[in-house]
Amino acid sequence: MSNGELYLGREQTLVKHFILQKYLERFACIVGSHWDTLTYVDCFSGPWNARSEEFDDSSFAIALKELRNARDVLARQRGRNIQLRCFFLEKTRAAHAKLKQFADSVTDATIEARNAALEESIPDIVDFVRRGGSQAFPFIFIDPTGWTGFEMETIAPLLRLNPGEALINFMTGHIRRFLDSPDEETQDSFKRLFGSGTFRTKVQGLAQLEREDAAVEEYTRNAKAVGGFRLGCNAIVLHPEMDRTHFNLIYLTRNPKGIEVFKDAEKKAMEVQEAARAEAQQRKRVARKGQAELFGSKELHDSAHYESLRDRYLTKAQDLVLRALQSKTRLLYEDAWTLALSQPMAWESDLKQWIAQWKDEGLLEVVGMQPRQKVPHRNEDNYLIWK
């Protein structure tokens, strides 16, 4: 089956898996250049609605494929022998049976597939990671189907694994509907999810998009604090057929290189997402009308929602940089880079475009660049000076 067939009717999963695959493609080679063991932990493995008999459309199979590719590249190009270790967790018995079938077929990596809930498996996961040795680097993927089962207190030991990185699926579509619920049990579950009750004051009285942003930012801030992560950002995955957010993928790291790789994966995924949404929306129109359309999905697709979101987050990212420049007057380029890329749909190319524009307008000077250097770089003491 083609990717289109595998993900028909679940295009949001296609985008999620694309980001995961593109990130791990580079992550594994970069980390494997310095660490002897790569450990991948999938806390809600499934498989869910997988159509491939080889589970090609499942997160665990995608991850293992990229880890294997990196291992082969490092062996061939650098003579490094990287060990692969995976911990797959699934509490549903029927899904776990398929997961176990896959795990048992693997002979070139250490795989542990557990039939249990995440809440009762944290010590086992931490132990599995540590058994990889002092030269093991873990990547934690938390991909639930709702907002329960991965409360902040529950996942704290996983977030605190250092070294380590994490990718969390924040189910915005589900959470959005219940943020203002008066039900005490629902609000208590949110308090456990966020790790505090402060999210209530952050989202109170806000319109839909502002409320979503505030919720994602508050969760990211709390997760960073709990895990001791320096950096965090998120990618927006839209509903295939409607102009609204399905979920946010929140990425946490202690190294700017991770942000660079994740943002590159996000940028590539946005083109894939709009193409998939165009096809899904055309199928919906054809089914409703009962007749085919003259033009293809790409030609007929209205990307106004995506463009409005990109404009929104570019404005937020630019404002963050401007406020920092105007308050400090002298800002290290990597600090401006960190601020700009903290927003979804904002990339380094956007930041460099703003810098060029501000320079042309006589508002900004860049110092510390080499004679032939045209744009500022990170880690080279390049400073932005606001005039």
Protein backbone atom coordinates (compact mmCIF):
# COMPACT_ATOMS: atom_id res chain seq x y z
CA MET A 1 0.00 0.00 0.00
CA SER A 2 1.04 3.59 -0.62
CA ASN A 3 1.20 6.12 2.21
CA GLY A 4 -2.04 7.63 0.95
CA GLU A 5 -3.81 4.29 1.25
CA LEU A 6 -2.28 3.45 4.64
CA TYR A 7 -3.43 6.74 6.15
CA LEU A 8 -6.74 7.19 4.35
CA GLY A 9 -9.14 8.84 6.78
CA ARG A 10 -6.42 9.43 9.39
CA GLU A 11 -4.25 12.00 7.71
CA GLN A 12 -3.42 13.58 11.08
CA THR A 13 -1.56 10.35 11.92
CA LEU A 14 0.35 10.63 8.64
CA VAL A 15 1.59 14.09 9.66
CA LYS A 16 2.51 12.90 13.16
CA HIS A 17 4.43 9.92 11.81
CA PHE A 18 6.13 12.08 9.18
CA ILE A 19 7.44 14.43 11.87
CA LEU A 20 8.57 11.50 14.01
CA GLN A 21 10.29 9.82 11.06
CA LYS A 22 12.02 12.96 9.79
CA TYR A 23 13.18 13.89 13.27
CA LEU A 24 14.56 10.44 14.11
CA GLU A 25 16.23 10.25 10.69
CA ARG A 26 18.66 12.99 11.73
CA PHE A 27 18.47 12.60 15.52
CA ALA A 28 19.73 9.02 15.43
CA CYS A 29 22.78 9.86 13.32
CA ILE A 30 23.66 12.94 15.37
CA VAL A 31 23.24 11.28 18.77
CA GLY A 32 24.76 8.01 17.54
CA SER A 33 27.93 9.91 16.68
CA HIS A 34 28.50 10.55 20.39
CA TRP A 35 26.55 7.86 22.26
CA ASP A 36 26.98 4.10 21.99
CA THR A 37 23.35 3.11 22.60
CA LEU A 38 20.10 4.61 21.31
CA THR A 39 17.07 3.83 23.46
CA TYR A 40 13.59 4.47 22.10
CA VAL A 41 10.60 4.34 24.48
CA ASP A 42 7.05 4.33 23.06
CA CYS A 43 4.63 4.75 25.98
CA PHE A 44 1.38 4.19 24.03
CA SER A 45 2.51 1.91 21.25
CA GLY A 46 -0.72 0.45 19.90
CA PRO A 47 -0.83 -0.44 17.05
CA TRP A 48 -4.04 1.52 16.39
CA ASN A 49 -5.80 1.20 13.02
CA ALA A 50 -2.60 0.04 11.33
CA ARG A 51 -3.27 -1.25 7.81
CA SER A 52 0.16 -2.54 6.88
CA GLU A 53 0.83 -6.18 7.72
CA GLU A 54 4.41 -5.15 8.49
CA PHE A 55 3.12 -2.27 10.72
CA ASP A 56 4.75 0.30 8.43
CA ASP A 57 2.12 2.82 9.56
CA SER A 58 2.84 2.39 13.28
CA SER A 59 5.10 4.63 15.35
CA PHE A 60 7.18 1.76 16.75
CA ALA A 61 8.00 0.28 13.32
CA ILE A 62 8.80 3.71 11.88
CA ALA A 63 11.11 4.48 14.80
CA LEU A 64 12.96 1.17 14.60
CA LYS A 65 13.45 1.58 10.85
CA GLU A 66 15.08 5.01 11.33
CA LEU A 67 17.27 3.73 14.17
CA ARG A 68 18.43 0.85 12.00
CA ASN A 69 19.19 3.20 9.10
CA ALA A 70 21.27 5.41 11.37
CA ARG A 71 23.12 2.42 12.80
CA ASP A 72 24.01 1.26 9.28
CA VAL A 73 25.14 4.73 8.19
CA LEU A 74 27.33 5.17 11.28
CA ALA A 75 28.86 1.72 10.82
CA ARG A 76 29.59 2.32 7.16
CA GLN A 77 30.85 5.90 7.39
CA ARG A 78 32.44 6.04 10.85
CA GLY A 79 33.03 2.46 11.87
CA ARG A 80 30.81 2.91 14.91
CA ASN A 81 28.86 -0.02 16.37
CA ILE A 82 25.63 1.41 17.81
CA GLN A 83 23.33 -0.67 19.98
CA LEU A 84 19.56 -0.27 19.62
CA ARG A 85 17.16 -0.77 22.52
CA CYS A 86 13.38 -0.25 22.47
CA PHE A 87 10.71 -0.38 25.14
CA PHE A 88 7.18 -0.68 23.72
CA LEU A 89 4.24 -0.28 26.08
CA GLU A 90 0.59 -1.02 25.38
CA LYS A 91 -2.14 -1.68 27.95
CA THR A 92 -4.83 -3.05 25.57
CA ARG A 93 -4.47 -6.80 25.28
CA ALA A 94 -5.49 -7.14 21.62
CA ALA A 95 -3.16 -4.36 20.47
CA HIS A 96 -0.34 -5.72 22.61
CA ALA A 97 -0.65 -9.13 20.95
CA LYS A 98 0.19 -7.51 17.61
CA LEU A 99 2.93 -5.45 19.22
CA LYS A 100 4.44 -8.60 20.72
CA GLN A 101 4.29 -10.31 17.33
CA PHE A 102 6.36 -7.48 15.87
CA ALA A 103 8.80 -7.39 18.80
CA ASP A 104 9.40 -11.14 18.65
CA SER A 105 10.33 -10.87 14.97
CA VAL A 106 13.20 -8.45 15.70
CA THR A 107 16.61 -10.08 16.06
CA ASP A 108 18.99 -7.13 15.61
CA ALA A 109 17.86 -4.93 18.54
CA THR A 110 16.90 -5.39 22.17
CA ILE A 111 13.10 -5.07 22.34
CA GLU A 112 10.88 -5.26 25.39
CA ALA A 113 7.12 -5.18 24.75
CA ARG A 114 5.04 -4.79 27.89
CA ASN A 115 1.26 -5.28 28.30
CA ALA A 116 0.55 -2.70 31.01
CA ALA A 117 -0.57 0.87 31.66
CA LEU A 118 1.99 3.66 31.73
CA GLU A 119 1.19 4.58 35.35
CA GLU A 120 2.36 1.19 36.59
CA SER A 121 5.34 0.92 34.25
CA ILE A 122 7.43 4.02 35.01
CA PRO A 123 9.97 2.22 37.27
CA ASP A 124 10.39 -0.53 34.66
CA ILE A 125 10.98 2.01 31.90
CA VAL A 126 13.56 3.92 33.94
CA ASP A 127 15.27 0.63 34.81
CA PHE A 128 15.27 -0.41 31.13
CA VAL A 129 16.86 2.90 30.12
CA ARG A 130 19.54 2.67 32.82
CA ARG A 131 20.39 -0.90 31.92
CA GLY A 132 21.56 0.49 28.59
CA GLY A 133 24.60 1.86 30.40
CA SER A 134 26.14 5.27 30.87
CA GLN A 135 26.52 5.69 27.10
CA ALA A 136 22.81 5.26 26.36
CA PHE A 137 20.67 8.16 25.09
CA PRO A 138 16.88 7.77 25.46
CA PHE A 139 14.11 9.30 23.36
CA ILE A 140 10.69 9.19 25.06
CA PHE A 141 7.56 9.24 22.87
CA ILE A 142 4.27 9.81 24.72
CA ASP A 143 1.37 9.47 22.28
CA PRO A 144 -1.94 8.93 24.13
CA THR A 145 -5.46 8.92 22.70
CA GLY A 146 -6.82 11.37 25.29
CA TRP A 147 -5.61 13.47 28.20
CA THR A 148 -5.41 10.82 30.93
CA GLY A 149 -2.82 8.21 31.77
CA PHE A 150 0.22 10.48 31.51
CA GLU A 151 -0.23 12.97 34.33
CA MET A 152 2.74 15.26 34.93
CA GLU A 153 3.61 13.57 38.22
CA THR A 154 3.43 10.18 36.48
CA ILE A 155 5.80 11.01 33.64
CA ALA A 156 8.17 13.17 35.72
CA PRO A 157 10.79 10.37 36.14
CA LEU A 158 10.86 9.94 32.34
CA LEU A 159 11.23 13.66 31.71
CA ARG A 160 14.09 13.83 34.22
CA LEU A 161 16.18 11.24 32.39
CA ASN A 162 19.35 13.13 31.53
CA PRO A 163 20.57 12.81 28.84
CA GLY A 164 17.28 12.39 27.04
CA GLU A 165 14.61 14.02 24.92
CA ALA A 166 10.83 13.73 24.80
CA LEU A 167 8.02 14.15 22.30
CA ILE A 168 4.50 14.44 23.74
CA ASN A 169 1.22 14.42 21.86
CA PHE A 170 -0.92 17.09 23.54
CA MET A 171 -4.44 16.17 22.44
CA THR A 172 -5.64 19.72 21.86
CA GLY A 173 -8.87 18.72 20.11
CA HIS A 174 -10.06 16.72 23.12
CA ILE A 175 -8.73 19.12 25.74
CA ARG A 176 -10.20 22.22 24.08
CA ARG A 177 -13.78 21.01 24.59
CA PHE A 178 -13.42 20.50 28.32
CA LEU A 179 -11.05 23.22 29.52
CA ASP A 180 -13.96 25.29 30.85
CA SER A 181 -15.97 22.35 32.13
CA PRO A 182 -17.49 23.01 35.58
CA ASP A 183 -17.22 19.31 36.38
CA GLU A 184 -14.90 18.96 39.36
CA GLU A 185 -13.57 15.55 38.31
CA THR A 186 -12.68 16.86 34.84
CA GLN A 187 -10.89 19.88 36.30
CA ASP A 188 -8.99 17.65 38.72
CA SER A 189 -7.85 15.48 35.80
CA PHE A 190 -6.58 18.59 34.02
CA LYS A 191 -4.76 19.69 37.16
CA ARG A 192 -2.95 16.34 37.22
CA LEU A 193 -2.24 16.58 33.48
CA PHE A 194 -0.69 20.06 33.72
CA GLY A 195 1.00 19.38 37.02
CA SER A 196 -0.68 22.39 38.68
CA GLY A 197 -3.90 24.36 38.71
CA THR A 198 -2.34 27.50 37.25
CA PHE A 199 -3.57 26.61 33.76
CA ARG A 200 -7.05 27.76 34.81
CA THR A 201 -5.98 31.37 35.25
CA LYS A 202 -3.93 31.19 32.04
CA VAL A 203 -6.88 30.18 29.84
CA GLN A 204 -9.74 31.91 31.63
CA GLY A 205 -11.70 34.32 29.45
CA LEU A 206 -9.63 33.74 26.32
CA ALA A 207 -11.02 33.14 22.83
CA GLN A 208 -10.48 29.74 21.21
CA LEU A 209 -7.07 30.18 19.56
CA GLU A 210 -5.70 32.24 22.44
CA ARG A 211 -6.95 29.61 24.87
CA GLU A 212 -5.32 26.77 22.89
CA ASP A 213 -2.03 28.65 22.74
CA ALA A 214 -2.12 29.40 26.46
CA ALA A 215 -2.86 25.76 27.32
CA VAL A 216 -0.03 24.43 25.12
CA GLU A 217 2.41 27.05 26.41
CA GLU A 218 1.53 26.33 30.04
CA TYR A 219 1.90 22.57 29.57
CA THR A 220 5.23 23.05 27.78
CA ARG A 221 6.49 25.39 30.51
CA ASN A 222 5.55 22.91 33.26
CA ALA A 223 7.05 19.93 31.42
CA LYS A 224 10.30 21.83 30.82
CA ALA A 225 10.51 22.76 34.50
CA VAL A 226 9.76 19.24 35.72
CA GLY A 227 12.31 17.65 33.38
CA GLY A 228 14.96 20.35 33.57
CA PHE A 229 14.80 20.95 29.82
CA ARG A 230 16.35 24.14 28.49
CA LEU A 231 14.26 24.23 25.34
CA GLY A 232 10.84 23.32 24.05
CA CYS A 233 8.67 23.97 21.01
CA ASN A 234 5.62 22.45 19.35
CA ALA A 235 4.19 21.55 15.96
CA ILE A 236 0.52 22.00 15.13
CA VAL A 237 -1.27 19.10 13.45
CA LEU A 238 -4.58 20.17 11.92
CA HIS A 239 -7.80 18.22 11.52
CA PRO A 240 -7.84 16.74 7.99
CA GLU A 241 -11.34 17.94 7.09
CA MET A 242 -11.92 20.95 9.35
CA ASP A 243 -10.08 24.18 10.02
CA ARG A 244 -9.07 23.47 13.58
CA THR A 245 -6.18 21.98 15.53
CA HIS A 246 -6.28 18.24 16.09
CA PHE A 247 -3.25 18.06 18.40
CA ASN A 248 0.11 19.66 19.19
CA LEU A 249 3.35 17.70 19.24
CA ILE A 250 5.43 19.14 22.09
CA TYR A 251 9.16 18.58 21.79
CA LEU A 252 11.52 18.92 24.77
CA THR A 253 15.32 18.97 24.63
CA ARG A 254 18.40 20.26 26.41
CA ASN A 255 20.34 20.96 23.20
CA PRO A 256 19.67 23.63 20.53
CA LYS A 257 20.65 21.11 17.85
CA GLY A 258 17.51 19.17 18.74
CA ILE A 259 15.37 22.25 18.11
CA GLU A 260 17.08 22.73 14.75
CA VAL A 261 16.31 19.16 13.69
CA PHE A 262 12.73 19.19 15.00
CA LYS A 263 11.90 22.51 13.34
CA ASP A 264 13.28 21.22 10.05
CA ALA A 265 10.98 18.19 10.34
CA GLU A 266 8.04 20.46 11.21
CA LYS A 267 8.68 22.69 8.18
CA LYS A 268 8.71 19.72 5.79
CA ALA A 269 5.62 18.26 7.46
CA MET A 270 3.52 21.38 6.83
CA GLU A 271 3.67 20.81 3.07
CA VAL A 272 2.73 17.16 3.56
CA GLN A 273 -0.10 18.20 5.84
CA GLU A 274 -1.66 20.67 3.41
CA ALA A 275 -1.49 18.13 0.57
CA ALA A 276 -3.13 15.47 2.75
CA ARG A 277 -5.82 17.89 3.93
CA ALA A 278 -6.53 18.90 0.33
CA GLU A 279 -7.15 15.27 -0.62
CA ALA A 280 -9.27 14.55 2.47
CA GLN A 281 -11.43 17.60 1.90
CA GLN A 282 -11.89 16.78 -1.78
CA ARG A 283 -12.99 13.24 -0.89
CA LYS A 284 -15.54 14.72 1.50
CA ARG A 285 -16.91 17.08 -1.18
CA VAL A 286 -17.10 14.31 -3.78
CA ALA A 287 -18.92 12.02 -1.35
CA ARG A 288 -21.39 14.77 -0.50
CA LYS A 289 -22.07 15.79 -4.11
CA GLY A 290 -21.88 12.32 -5.60
CA GLN A 291 -19.72 13.43 -8.52
CA ALA A 292 -16.05 13.91 -9.28
CA GLU A 293 -14.45 17.34 -9.49
CA LEU A 294 -12.82 18.69 -12.62
CA PHE A 295 -9.57 19.77 -10.96
CA GLY A 296 -7.23 18.01 -8.57
CA SER A 297 -7.25 18.45 -4.81
CA LYS A 298 -4.17 20.68 -4.79
CA GLU A 299 -5.66 23.16 -7.27
CA LEU A 300 -8.95 23.39 -5.36
CA HIS A 301 -7.57 23.48 -1.84
CA ASP A 302 -8.20 26.58 0.23
CA SER A 303 -5.14 27.05 2.42
CA ALA A 304 -6.46 30.23 4.07
CA HIS A 305 -6.62 28.62 7.52
CA TYR A 306 -3.05 27.42 7.40
CA GLU A 307 -1.85 30.78 6.09
CA SER A 308 -3.73 32.65 8.82
CA LEU A 309 -2.14 30.43 11.46
CA ARG A 310 1.31 30.95 10.01
CA ASP A 311 0.77 34.72 9.99
CA ARG A 312 -0.41 34.52 13.58
CA TYR A 313 2.63 32.65 14.86
CA LEU A 314 5.08 34.64 12.77
CA THR A 315 3.69 37.79 14.37
CA LYS A 316 4.05 36.26 17.85
CA ALA A 317 7.59 35.09 17.11
CA GLN A 318 8.61 38.48 15.70
CA ASP A 319 7.13 40.27 18.72
CA LEU A 320 9.14 38.05 21.08
CA VAL A 321 12.36 38.92 19.28
CA LEU A 322 11.53 42.62 19.04
CA ARG A 323 10.69 42.90 22.73
CA ALA A 324 13.97 41.22 23.64
CA LEU A 325 15.93 43.49 21.28
CA GLN A 326 14.28 46.67 22.50
CA SER A 327 14.71 45.78 26.17
CA LYS A 328 18.33 44.63 25.92
CA THR A 329 19.48 46.54 22.79
CA ARG A 330 22.21 43.86 22.39
CA LEU A 331 21.01 40.30 21.82
CA LEU A 332 23.02 37.19 21.02
CA TYR A 333 21.78 35.70 17.73
CA GLU A 334 21.15 32.28 19.28
CA ASP A 335 18.92 33.90 21.91
CA ALA A 336 16.85 35.54 19.17
CA TRP A 337 16.81 32.17 17.37
CA THR A 338 15.51 30.39 20.48
CA LEU A 339 12.72 32.95 20.94
CA ALA A 340 11.61 32.87 17.31
CA LEU A 341 11.64 29.09 16.96
CA SER A 342 9.67 28.57 20.18
CA GLN A 343 6.57 29.33 18.11
CA PRO A 344 5.00 26.81 15.72
CA MET A 345 5.26 27.50 11.99
CA ALA A 346 8.17 29.92 12.55
CA TRP A 347 11.57 28.97 11.17
CA GLU A 348 15.11 30.31 11.01
CA SER A 349 14.56 31.55 7.45
CA ASP A 350 11.84 33.85 8.82
CA LEU A 351 14.16 35.23 11.50
CA LYS A 352 16.89 35.95 8.95
CA GLN A 353 14.35 37.70 6.74
CA TRP A 354 13.33 40.00 9.63
CA ILE A 355 16.96 40.73 10.43
CA ALA A 356 17.66 41.67 6.79
CA GLN A 357 14.60 43.92 6.72
CA TRP A 358 15.51 45.66 9.99
CA LYS A 359 19.06 46.18 8.72
CA ASP A 360 17.78 47.72 5.49
CA GLU A 361 15.55 50.04 7.52
CA GLY A 362 18.51 51.13 9.64
CA LEU A 363 16.99 49.73 12.82
CA LEU A 364 19.46 46.93 13.43
CA GLU A 365 23.17 46.24 13.24
CA VAL A 366 24.77 42.78 13.33
CA VAL A 367 28.22 42.60 14.88
CA GLY A 368 30.73 39.80 15.28
CA MET A 369 30.41 38.37 11.76
CA GLN A 370 33.42 37.42 9.63
CA PRO A 371 34.33 39.65 6.64
CA ARG A 372 32.58 37.47 4.05
CA GLN A 373 29.76 36.32 6.31
CA LYS A 374 26.38 37.54 5.02
CA VAL A 375 24.01 36.30 7.74
CA PRO A 376 24.43 35.69 11.49
CA HIS A 377 25.13 32.20 12.80
CA ARG A 378 24.64 30.49 16.12
CA ASN A 379 27.66 29.74 18.34
CA GLU A 380 29.82 32.39 16.67
CA ASP A 381 29.28 35.36 19.03
CA ASN A 382 27.12 37.17 16.50
CA TYR A 383 25.10 39.92 18.19
CA LEU A 384 22.04 41.86 17.10
CA ILE A 385 22.23 45.54 18.11
CA TRP A 386 18.97 47.48 18.14
CA LYS A 387 19.53 51.15 17.29
